Amino acid sequence: MQPINQIRQGDVLLVRRPAPKHSTRKHSLSGLHVPGERTGHAHTLPAEVYDTEHGRLLYLPNGDTMTHDEHAPAEVPAGWWEPILQREFAPSRRPADRFHYD
């Protein structure tokens, strides 16, 4: 069975990363909490949060479940994960289209 390297739940993508070698600083944060764009319901995942040479990463020593009120729970295996927000794409328009004139 192939290891899971990416997990997506709504607008949150988790990408598996290698364990950091150095420059690691643990935060007092208790995991991932990302409010949704439209509803305010949050994606949550209990995890240890670290600043590393790979950026901010989540560490799950035993794996856990990412939850959200509008999505099925997502099981996240133990390991190091990079959280990436994937907001809805809105193509840019001409500058004049960005403003409303009365």
PDB file of N, CA and C in Angstrom:
ATOM      1  N   MET A   1       0.842  -1.185   0.000  1.00  0.00           N
ATOM      2  CA  MET A   1       0.000   0.000   0.000  1.00  0.00           C
ATOM      3  C   MET A   1       0.889   1.252   0.000  1.00  0.00           C
ATOM      4  N   GLN A   2       0.578   2.211  -0.853  1.00  0.00           N
ATOM      5  CA  GLN A   2       1.347   3.448  -0.955  1.00  0.00           C
ATOM      6  C   GLN A   2       1.070   4.336   0.256  1.00  0.00           C
ATOM      7  N   PRO A   3       2.096   5.022   0.766  1.00  0.00           N
ATOM      8  CA  PRO A   3       1.851   5.965   1.854  1.00  0.00           C
ATOM      9  C   PRO A   3       1.053   7.164   1.349  1.00  0.00           C
ATOM     10  N   ILE A   4       0.261   7.729   2.215  1.00  0.00           N
ATOM     11  CA  ILE A   4      -0.524   8.917   1.871  1.00  0.00           C
ATOM     12  C   ILE A   4       0.398  10.127   1.947  1.00  0.00           C
ATOM     13  N   ASN A   5       0.476  10.907   0.855  1.00  0.00           N
ATOM     14  CA  ASN A   5       1.352  12.075   0.814  1.00  0.00           C
ATOM     15  C   ASN A   5       0.599  13.389   0.763  1.00  0.00           C
ATOM     16  N   GLN A   6      -0.695  13.343   0.452  1.00  0.00           N
ATOM     17  CA  GLN A   6      -1.513  14.550   0.437  1.00  0.00           C
ATOM     18  C   GLN A   6      -2.907  14.207   0.950  1.00  0.00           C
ATOM     19  N   ILE A   7      -3.464  15.153   1.710  1.00  0.00           N
ATOM     20  CA  ILE A   7      -4.830  15.009   2.208  1.00  0.00           C
ATOM     21  C   ILE A   7      -5.505  16.355   2.011  1.00  0.00           C
ATOM     22  N   ARG A   8      -6.683  16.333   1.406  1.00  0.00           N
ATOM     23  CA  ARG A   8      -7.411  17.578   1.209  1.00  0.00           C
ATOM     24  C   ARG A   8      -8.774  17.474   1.869  1.00  0.00           C
ATOM     25  N   GLN A   9      -9.131  18.565   2.548  1.00  0.00           N
ATOM     26  CA  GLN A   9     -10.464  18.686   3.123  1.00  0.00           C
ATOM     27  C   GLN A   9     -10.919  20.113   2.833  1.00  0.00           C
ATOM     28  N   GLY A  10     -11.828  20.268   1.879  1.00  0.00           N
ATOM     29  CA  GLY A  10     -12.274  21.603   1.503  1.00  0.00           C
ATOM     30  C   GLY A  10     -11.110  22.428   0.992  1.00  0.00           C
ATOM     31  N   ASP A  11     -10.893  23.601   1.587  1.00  0.00           N
ATOM     32  CA  ASP A  11      -9.830  24.487   1.117  1.00  0.00           C
ATOM     33  C   ASP A  11      -8.512  24.308   1.876  1.00  0.00           C
ATOM     34  N   VAL A  12      -8.368  23.207   2.612  1.00  0.00           N
ATOM     35  CA  VAL A  12      -7.106  22.908   3.298  1.00  0.00           C
ATOM     36  C   VAL A  12      -6.469  21.678   2.664  1.00  0.00           C
ATOM     37  N   LEU A  13      -5.218  21.834   2.259  1.00  0.00           N
ATOM     38  CA  LEU A  13      -4.426  20.734   1.723  1.00  0.00           C
ATOM     39  C   LEU A  13      -3.284  20.472   2.685  1.00  0.00           C
ATOM     40  N   LEU A  14      -3.077  19.227   3.076  1.00  0.00           N
ATOM     41  CA  LEU A  14      -1.928  18.830   3.883  1.00  0.00           C
ATOM     42  C   LEU A  14      -0.988  18.042   2.991  1.00  0.00           C
ATOM     43  N   VAL A  15       0.291  18.416   3.008  1.00  0.00           N
ATOM     44  CA  VAL A  15       1.297  17.736   2.197  1.00  0.00           C
ATOM     45  C   VAL A  15       2.340  17.163   3.146  1.00  0.00           C
ATOM     46  N   ARG A  16       2.590  15.860   3.020  1.00  0.00           N
ATOM     47  CA  ARG A  16       3.600  15.212   3.875  1.00  0.00           C
ATOM     48  C   ARG A  16       4.975  15.788   3.565  1.00  0.00           C
ATOM     49  N   ARG A  17       5.748  16.054   4.619  1.00  0.00           N
ATOM     50  CA  ARG A  17       7.098  16.588   4.476  1.00  0.00           C
ATOM     51  C   ARG A  17       8.071  15.718   5.265  1.00  0.00           C
ATOM     52  N   PRO A  18       9.359  15.761   4.880  1.00  0.00           N
ATOM     53  CA  PRO A  18      10.349  15.003   5.655  1.00  0.00           C
ATOM     54  C   PRO A  18      10.542  15.637   7.033  1.00  0.00           C
ATOM     55  N   ALA A  19      10.992  14.845   7.976  1.00  0.00           N
ATOM     56  CA  ALA A  19      11.273  15.371   9.317  1.00  0.00           C
ATOM     57  C   ALA A  19      12.363  16.425   9.215  1.00  0.00           C
ATOM     58  N   PRO A  20      12.198  17.575   9.880  1.00  0.00           N
ATOM     59  CA  PRO A  20      13.226  18.613   9.815  1.00  0.00           C
ATOM     60  C   PRO A  20      14.510  18.161  10.504  1.00  0.00           C
ATOM     61  N   LYS A  21      15.634  18.658  10.003  1.00  0.00           N
ATOM     62  CA  LYS A  21      16.928  18.287  10.578  1.00  0.00           C
ATOM     63  C   LYS A  21      17.379  19.258  11.658  1.00  0.00           C
ATOM     64  N   HIS A  22      17.020  20.537  11.526  1.00  0.00           N
ATOM     65  CA  HIS A  22      17.399  21.553  12.511  1.00  0.00           C
ATOM     66  C   HIS A  22      16.521  22.788  12.346  1.00  0.00           C
ATOM     67  N   SER A  23      16.814  23.830  13.083  1.00  0.00           N
ATOM     68  CA  SER A  23      16.056  25.076  13.064  1.00  0.00           C
ATOM     69  C   SER A  23      14.595  24.864  13.443  1.00  0.00           C
ATOM     70  N   THR A  24      14.364  23.970  14.367  1.00  0.00           N
ATOM     71  CA  THR A  24      12.997  23.664  14.759  1.00  0.00           C
ATOM     72  C   THR A  24      12.647  24.385  16.052  1.00  0.00           C
ATOM     73  N   ARG A  25      11.527  25.096  16.052  1.00  0.00           N
ATOM     74  CA  ARG A  25      11.045  25.781  17.251  1.00  0.00           C
ATOM     75  C   ARG A  25       9.577  25.432  17.420  1.00  0.00           C
ATOM     76  N   LYS A  26       9.255  24.856  18.549  1.00  0.00           N
ATOM     77  CA  LYS A  26       7.869  24.470  18.815  1.00  0.00           C
ATOM     78  C   LYS A  26       7.086  25.673  19.331  1.00  0.00           C
ATOM     79  N   HIS A  27       5.878  25.827  18.821  1.00  0.00           N
ATOM     80  CA  HIS A  27       4.971  26.887  19.269  1.00  0.00           C
ATOM     81  C   HIS A  27       4.077  26.366  20.380  1.00  0.00           C
ATOM     82  N   SER A  28       3.462  27.292  21.076  1.00  0.00           N
ATOM     83  CA  SER A  28       2.471  26.904  22.071  1.00  0.00           C
ATOM     84  C   SER A  28       1.110  26.672  21.420  1.00  0.00           C
ATOM     85  N   LEU A  29       1.030  26.839  20.092  1.00  0.00           N
ATOM     86  CA  LEU A  29      -0.217  26.604  19.374  1.00  0.00           C
ATOM     87  C   LEU A  29      -0.612  25.139  19.494  1.00  0.00           C
ATOM     88  N   SER A  30      -1.912  24.868  19.455  1.00  0.00           N
ATOM     89  CA  SER A  30      -2.377  23.493  19.666  1.00  0.00           C
ATOM     90  C   SER A  30      -2.824  22.803  18.384  1.00  0.00           C
ATOM     91  N   GLY A  31      -2.433  23.330  17.245  1.00  0.00           N
ATOM     92  CA  GLY A  31      -2.774  22.659  15.998  1.00  0.00           C
ATOM     93  C   GLY A  31      -3.295  23.598  14.953  1.00  0.00           C
ATOM     94  N   LEU A  32      -3.991  23.040  14.003  1.00  0.00           N
ATOM     95  CA  LEU A  32      -4.521  23.765  12.862  1.00  0.00           C
ATOM     96  C   LEU A  32      -5.936  24.216  13.162  1.00  0.00           C
ATOM     97  N   HIS A  33      -6.242  25.480  12.865  1.00  0.00           N
ATOM     98  CA  HIS A  33      -7.591  26.023  12.996  1.00  0.00           C
ATOM     99  C   HIS A  33      -7.765  27.025  11.863  1.00  0.00           C
ATOM    100  N   VAL A  34      -8.489  26.634  10.809  1.00  0.00           N
ATOM    101  CA  VAL A  34      -8.650  27.475   9.625  1.00  0.00           C
ATOM    102  C   VAL A  34     -10.130  27.726   9.386  1.00  0.00           C
ATOM    103  N   PRO A  35     -10.613  28.961   9.677  1.00  0.00           N
ATOM    104  CA  PRO A  35     -12.014  29.274   9.390  1.00  0.00           C
ATOM    105  C   PRO A  35     -12.283  29.230   7.892  1.00  0.00           C
ATOM    106  N   GLY A  36     -13.464  28.760   7.512  1.00  0.00           N
ATOM    107  CA  GLY A  36     -13.846  28.699   6.104  1.00  0.00           C
ATOM    108  C   GLY A  36     -14.118  30.078   5.540  1.00  0.00           C
ATOM    109  N   GLU A  37     -14.013  30.198   4.222  1.00  0.00           N
ATOM    110  CA  GLU A  37     -14.229  31.473   3.540  1.00  0.00           C
ATOM    111  C   GLU A  37     -15.661  31.976   3.675  1.00  0.00           C
ATOM    112  N   ARG A  38     -16.611  31.089   3.522  1.00  0.00           N
ATOM    113  CA  ARG A  38     -18.007  31.517   3.435  1.00  0.00           C
ATOM    114  C   ARG A  38     -18.783  31.350   4.731  1.00  0.00           C
ATOM    115  N   THR A  39     -18.598  30.226   5.402  1.00  0.00           N
ATOM    116  CA  THR A  39     -19.458  29.917   6.547  1.00  0.00           C
ATOM    117  C   THR A  39     -18.829  30.240   7.889  1.00  0.00           C
ATOM    118  N   GLY A  40     -17.504  30.351   7.928  1.00  0.00           N
ATOM    119  CA  GLY A  40     -16.838  30.556   9.207  1.00  0.00           C
ATOM    120  C   GLY A  40     -16.593  29.268   9.959  1.00  0.00           C
ATOM    121  N   HIS A  41     -17.163  28.139   9.481  1.00  0.00           N
ATOM    122  CA  HIS A  41     -16.868  26.853  10.110  1.00  0.00           C
ATOM    123  C   HIS A  41     -15.389  26.569   9.912  1.00  0.00           C
ATOM    124  N   ALA A  42     -14.760  26.011  10.924  1.00  0.00           N
ATOM    125  CA  ALA A  42     -13.307  25.866  10.893  1.00  0.00           C
ATOM    126  C   ALA A  42     -12.865  24.433  10.638  1.00  0.00           C
ATOM    127  N   HIS A  43     -11.766  24.323   9.894  1.00  0.00           N
ATOM    128  CA  HIS A  43     -11.044  23.062   9.783  1.00  0.00           C
ATOM    129  C   HIS A  43     -10.149  22.993  11.020  1.00  0.00           C
ATOM    130  N   THR A  44     -10.188  21.893  11.751  1.00  0.00           N
ATOM    131  CA  THR A  44      -9.359  21.762  12.941  1.00  0.00           C
ATOM    132  C   THR A  44      -8.614  20.435  12.919  1.00  0.00           C
ATOM    133  N   LEU A  45      -7.389  20.483  13.432  1.00  0.00           N
ATOM    134  CA  LEU A  45      -6.560  19.286  13.530  1.00  0.00           C
ATOM    135  C   LEU A  45      -5.630  19.459  14.715  1.00  0.00           C
ATOM    136  N   PRO A  46      -5.794  18.665  15.782  1.00  0.00           N
ATOM    137  CA  PRO A  46      -4.865  18.743  16.898  1.00  0.00           C
ATOM    138  C   PRO A  46      -3.478  18.294  16.428  1.00  0.00           C
ATOM    139  N   ALA A  47      -2.479  19.126  16.674  1.00  0.00           N
ATOM    140  CA  ALA A  47      -1.117  18.810  16.228  1.00  0.00           C
ATOM    141  C   ALA A  47      -0.137  19.707  16.962  1.00  0.00           C
ATOM    142  N   GLU A  48       1.124  19.314  16.961  1.00  0.00           N
ATOM    143  CA  GLU A  48       2.195  20.182  17.443  1.00  0.00           C
ATOM    144  C   GLU A  48       2.609  21.058  16.272  1.00  0.00           C
ATOM    145  N   VAL A  49       2.886  22.339  16.531  1.00  0.00           N
ATOM    146  CA  VAL A  49       3.213  23.297  15.470  1.00  0.00           C
ATOM    147  C   VAL A  49       4.664  23.733  15.623  1.00  0.00           C
ATOM    148  N   TYR A  50       5.431  23.644  14.517  1.00  0.00           N
ATOM    149  CA  TYR A  50       6.857  23.971  14.537  1.00  0.00           C
ATOM    150  C   TYR A  50       7.213  24.908  13.395  1.00  0.00           C
ATOM    151  N   ASP A  51       8.180  25.803  13.638  1.00  0.00           N
ATOM    152  CA  ASP A  51       8.839  26.545  12.572  1.00  0.00           C
ATOM    153  C   ASP A  51      10.099  25.771  12.239  1.00  0.00           C
ATOM    154  N   THR A  52      10.280  25.430  10.964  1.00  0.00           N
ATOM    155  CA  THR A  52      11.397  24.597  10.542  1.00  0.00           C
ATOM    156  C   THR A  52      12.062  25.203   9.316  1.00  0.00           C
ATOM    157  N   GLU A  53      13.124  24.569   8.851  1.00  0.00           N
ATOM    158  CA  GLU A  53      13.777  25.035   7.624  1.00  0.00           C
ATOM    159  C   GLU A  53      12.866  24.846   6.417  1.00  0.00           C
ATOM    160  N   HIS A  54      11.794  24.071   6.554  1.00  0.00           N
ATOM    161  CA  HIS A  54      10.820  23.860   5.476  1.00  0.00           C
ATOM    162  C   HIS A  54       9.609  24.778   5.631  1.00  0.00           C
ATOM    163  N   GLY A  55       9.627  25.692   6.584  1.00  0.00           N
ATOM    164  CA  GLY A  55       8.475  26.544   6.878  1.00  0.00           C
ATOM    165  C   GLY A  55       7.722  26.021   8.089  1.00  0.00           C
ATOM    166  N   ARG A  56       6.520  26.506   8.294  1.00  0.00           N
ATOM    167  CA  ARG A  56       5.717  26.070   9.438  1.00  0.00           C
ATOM    168  C   ARG A  56       5.108  24.705   9.130  1.00  0.00           C
ATOM    169  N   LEU A  57       5.352  23.759  10.020  1.00  0.00           N
ATOM    170  CA  LEU A  57       4.860  22.397   9.835  1.00  0.00           C
ATOM    171  C   LEU A  57       4.069  21.940  11.051  1.00  0.00           C
ATOM    172  N   LEU A  58       3.191  20.983  10.800  1.00  0.00           N
ATOM    173  CA  LEU A  58       2.444  20.319  11.863  1.00  0.00           C
ATOM    174  C   LEU A  58       3.073  18.960  12.094  1.00  0.00           C
ATOM    175  N   TYR A  59       3.169  18.566  13.359  1.00  0.00           N
ATOM    176  CA  TYR A  59       3.672  17.230  13.677  1.00  0.00           C
ATOM    177  C   TYR A  59       2.597  16.472  14.435  1.00  0.00           C
ATOM    178  N   LEU A  60       2.277  15.302  13.938  1.00  0.00           N
ATOM    179  CA  LEU A  60       1.317  14.412  14.590  1.00  0.00           C
ATOM    180  C   LEU A  60       2.069  13.157  15.001  1.00  0.00           C
ATOM    181  N   PRO A  61       2.359  13.001  16.294  1.00  0.00           N
ATOM    182  CA  PRO A  61       3.112  11.826  16.726  1.00  0.00           C
ATOM    183  C   PRO A  61       2.345  10.521  16.532  1.00  0.00           C
ATOM    184  N   ASN A  62       1.016  10.571  16.618  1.00  0.00           N
ATOM    185  CA  ASN A  62       0.208   9.349  16.528  1.00  0.00           C
ATOM    186  C   ASN A  62      -0.869   9.409  15.460  1.00  0.00           C
ATOM    187  N   GLY A  63      -0.903  10.450  14.678  1.00  0.00           N
ATOM    188  CA  GLY A  63      -2.001  10.633  13.738  1.00  0.00           C
ATOM    189  C   GLY A  63      -3.219  11.169  14.469  1.00  0.00           C
ATOM    190  N   ASP A  64      -4.156  11.743  13.724  1.00  0.00           N
ATOM    191  CA  ASP A  64      -5.379  12.281  14.328  1.00  0.00           C
ATOM    192  C   ASP A  64      -6.379  12.551  13.212  1.00  0.00           C
ATOM    193  N   THR A  65      -7.476  13.214  13.544  1.00  0.00           N
ATOM    194  CA  THR A  65      -8.546  13.461  12.595  1.00  0.00           C
ATOM    195  C   THR A  65      -8.732  14.952  12.377  1.00  0.00           C
ATOM    196  N   MET A  66      -8.730  15.373  11.089  1.00  0.00           N
ATOM    197  CA  MET A  66      -9.057  16.753  10.750  1.00  0.00           C
ATOM    198  C   MET A  66     -10.575  16.819  10.586  1.00  0.00           C
ATOM    199  N   THR A  67     -11.201  17.799  11.237  1.00  0.00           N
ATOM    200  CA  THR A  67     -12.658  17.900  11.214  1.00  0.00           C
ATOM    201  C   THR A  67     -13.104  19.246  10.645  1.00  0.00           C
ATOM    202  N   HIS A  68     -14.349  19.262  10.185  1.00  0.00           N
ATOM    203  CA  HIS A  68     -15.016  20.463   9.684  1.00  0.00           C
ATOM    204  C   HIS A  68     -16.505  20.144   9.666  1.00  0.00           C
ATOM    205  N   ASP A  69     -17.336  21.134   9.993  1.00  0.00           N
ATOM    206  CA  ASP A  69     -18.780  20.906  10.081  1.00  0.00           C
ATOM    207  C   ASP A  69     -19.418  20.497   8.755  1.00  0.00           C
ATOM    208  N   GLU A  70     -18.805  20.871   7.620  1.00  0.00           N
ATOM    209  CA  GLU A  70     -19.426  20.622   6.320  1.00  0.00           C
ATOM    210  C   GLU A  70     -18.707  19.563   5.490  1.00  0.00           C
ATOM    211  N   HIS A  71     -17.694  18.911   6.048  1.00  0.00           N
ATOM    212  CA  HIS A  71     -16.941  17.898   5.310  1.00  0.00           C
ATOM    213  C   HIS A  71     -16.829  16.635   6.163  1.00  0.00           C
ATOM    214  N   ALA A  72     -16.628  15.519   5.496  1.00  0.00           N
ATOM    215  CA  ALA A  72     -16.377  14.272   6.218  1.00  0.00           C
ATOM    216  C   ALA A  72     -15.040  14.387   6.950  1.00  0.00           C
ATOM    217  N   PRO A  73     -14.896  13.750   8.099  1.00  0.00           N
ATOM    218  CA  PRO A  73     -13.604  13.780   8.807  1.00  0.00           C
ATOM    219  C   PRO A  73     -12.513  13.178   7.918  1.00  0.00           C
ATOM    220  N   ALA A  74     -11.301  13.701   8.064  1.00  0.00           N
ATOM    221  CA  ALA A  74     -10.157  13.200   7.295  1.00  0.00           C
ATOM    222  C   ALA A  74      -9.118  12.662   8.266  1.00  0.00           C
ATOM    223  N   GLU A  75      -8.817  11.386   8.150  1.00  0.00           N
ATOM    224  CA  GLU A  75      -7.799  10.778   9.007  1.00  0.00           C
ATOM    225  C   GLU A  75      -6.413  11.178   8.492  1.00  0.00           C
ATOM    226  N   VAL A  76      -5.590  11.708   9.394  1.00  0.00           N
ATOM    227  CA  VAL A  76      -4.237  12.153   9.036  1.00  0.00           C
ATOM    228  C   VAL A  76      -3.238  11.254   9.754  1.00  0.00           C
ATOM    229  N   PRO A  77      -2.424  10.517   9.011  1.00  0.00           N
ATOM    230  CA  PRO A  77      -1.447   9.626   9.633  1.00  0.00           C
ATOM    231  C   PRO A  77      -0.371  10.401  10.391  1.00  0.00           C
ATOM    232  N   ALA A  78       0.309   9.715  11.281  1.00  0.00           N
ATOM    233  CA  ALA A  78       1.424  10.314  12.030  1.00  0.00           C
ATOM    234  C   ALA A  78       2.477  10.824  11.058  1.00  0.00           C
ATOM    235  N   GLY A  79       3.163  11.893  11.449  1.00  0.00           N
ATOM    236  CA  GLY A  79       4.246  12.434  10.630  1.00  0.00           C
ATOM    237  C   GLY A  79       4.238  13.949  10.590  1.00  0.00           C
ATOM    238  N   TRP A  80       5.029  14.483   9.692  1.00  0.00           N
ATOM    239  CA  TRP A  80       5.180  15.926   9.491  1.00  0.00           C
ATOM    240  C   TRP A  80       4.345  16.346   8.293  1.00  0.00           C
ATOM    241  N   TRP A  81       3.555  17.406   8.439  1.00  0.00           N
ATOM    242  CA  TRP A  81       2.635  17.858   7.412  1.00  0.00           C
ATOM    243  C   TRP A  81       2.714  19.372   7.237  1.00  0.00           C
ATOM    244  N   GLU A  82       2.707  19.819   5.987  1.00  0.00           N
ATOM    245  CA  GLU A  82       2.640  21.252   5.687  1.00  0.00           C
ATOM    246  C   GLU A  82       1.200  21.594   5.330  1.00  0.00           C
ATOM    247  N   PRO A  83       0.576  22.542   6.074  1.00  0.00           N
ATOM    248  CA  PRO A  83      -0.775  22.960   5.719  1.00  0.00           C
ATOM    249  C   PRO A  83      -0.718  24.044   4.635  1.00  0.00           C
ATOM    250  N   ILE A  84      -1.536  23.886   3.609  1.00  0.00           N
ATOM    251  CA  ILE A  84      -1.597  24.858   2.513  1.00  0.00           C
ATOM    252  C   ILE A  84      -3.061  25.234   2.318  1.00  0.00           C
ATOM    253  N   LEU A  85      -3.350  26.539   2.330  1.00  0.00           N
ATOM    254  CA  LEU A  85      -4.713  27.003   2.097  1.00  0.00           C
ATOM    255  C   LEU A  85      -4.936  27.125   0.605  1.00  0.00           C
ATOM    256  N   GLN A  86      -6.046  26.612   0.147  1.00  0.00           N
ATOM    257  CA  GLN A  86      -6.405  26.696  -1.263  1.00  0.00           C
ATOM    258  C   GLN A  86      -7.720  27.451  -1.366  1.00  0.00           C
ATOM    259  N   ARG A  87      -7.614  28.744  -1.498  1.00  0.00           N
ATOM    260  CA  ARG A  87      -8.809  29.571  -1.600  1.00  0.00           C
ATOM    261  C   ARG A  87      -9.374  29.509  -3.010  1.00  0.00           C
ATOM    262  N   GLU A  88     -10.635  29.859  -3.131  1.00  0.00           N
ATOM    263  CA  GLU A  88     -11.291  29.843  -4.435  1.00  0.00           C
ATOM    264  C   GLU A  88     -10.590  30.793  -5.387  1.00  0.00           C
ATOM    265  N   PHE A  89     -10.354  30.348  -6.613  1.00  0.00           N
ATOM    266  CA  PHE A  89      -9.663  31.148  -7.608  1.00  0.00           C
ATOM    267  C   PHE A  89     -10.605  32.194  -8.183  1.00  0.00           C
ATOM    268  N   ALA A  90     -10.141  33.441  -8.213  1.00  0.00           N
ATOM    269  CA  ALA A  90     -10.898  34.520  -8.835  1.00  0.00           C
ATOM    270  C   ALA A  90      -9.966  35.222  -9.813  1.00  0.00           C
ATOM    271  N   PRO A  91     -10.171  35.021 -11.121  1.00  0.00           N
ATOM    272  CA  PRO A  91      -9.267  35.640 -12.090  1.00  0.00           C
ATOM    273  C   PRO A  91      -9.311  37.159 -11.979  1.00  0.00           C
ATOM    274  N   SER A  92      -8.163  37.773 -12.180  1.00  0.00           N
ATOM    275  CA  SER A  92      -8.127  39.235 -12.092  1.00  0.00           C
ATOM    276  C   SER A  92      -8.853  39.830 -13.290  1.00  0.00           C
ATOM    277  N   ARG A  93      -9.392  40.983 -13.058  1.00  0.00           N
ATOM    278  CA  ARG A  93     -10.102  41.681 -14.122  1.00  0.00           C
ATOM    279  C   ARG A  93      -9.372  42.985 -14.416  1.00  0.00           C
ATOM    280  N   ARG A  94      -9.867  43.693 -15.402  1.00  0.00           N
ATOM    281  CA  ARG A  94      -9.268  44.994 -15.700  1.00  0.00           C
ATOM    282  C   ARG A  94      -9.388  45.878 -14.463  1.00  0.00           C
ATOM    283  N   PRO A  95      -8.418  46.775 -14.214  1.00  0.00           N
ATOM    284  CA  PRO A  95      -8.482  47.626 -13.016  1.00  0.00           C
ATOM    285  C   PRO A  95      -9.798  48.372 -12.878  1.00  0.00           C
ATOM    286  N   ALA A  96     -10.372  48.841 -13.985  1.00  0.00           N
ATOM    287  CA  ALA A  96     -11.622  49.597 -13.897  1.00  0.00           C
ATOM    288  C   ALA A  96     -12.770  48.728 -13.397  1.00  0.00           C
ATOM    289  N   ASP A  97     -12.684  47.416 -13.603  1.00  0.00           N
ATOM    290  CA  ASP A  97     -13.751  46.522 -13.171  1.00  0.00           C
ATOM    291  C   ASP A  97     -13.726  46.245 -11.677  1.00  0.00           C
ATOM    292  N   ARG A  98     -12.663  46.609 -10.996  1.00  0.00           N
ATOM    293  CA  ARG A  98     -12.551  46.314  -9.564  1.00  0.00           C
ATOM    294  C   ARG A  98     -13.303  47.299  -8.678  1.00  0.00           C
ATOM    295  N   PHE A  99     -13.744  48.404  -9.239  1.00  0.00           N
ATOM    296  CA  PHE A  99     -14.376  49.457  -8.450  1.00  0.00           C
ATOM    297  C   PHE A  99     -15.796  49.678  -8.925  1.00  0.00           C
ATOM    298  N   HIS A 100     -16.623  50.103  -8.005  1.00  0.00           N
ATOM    299  CA  HIS A 100     -17.984  50.462  -8.347  1.00  0.00           C
ATOM    300  C   HIS A 100     -18.097  51.968  -8.270  1.00  0.00           C
ATOM    301  N   TYR A 101     -18.607  52.570  -9.314  1.00  0.00           N
ATOM    302  CA  TYR A 101     -18.764  54.025  -9.356  1.00  0.00           C
ATOM    303  C   TYR A 101     -20.242  54.357  -9.311  1.00  0.00           C
ATOM    304  N   ASP A 102     -20.621  55.273  -8.422  1.00  0.00           N
ATOM    305  CA  ASP A 102     -22.026  55.694  -8.330  1.00  0.00           C
ATOM    306  C   ASP A 102     -22.276  56.867  -9.218  1.00  0.00           C
TER     307      ASP A 102
END
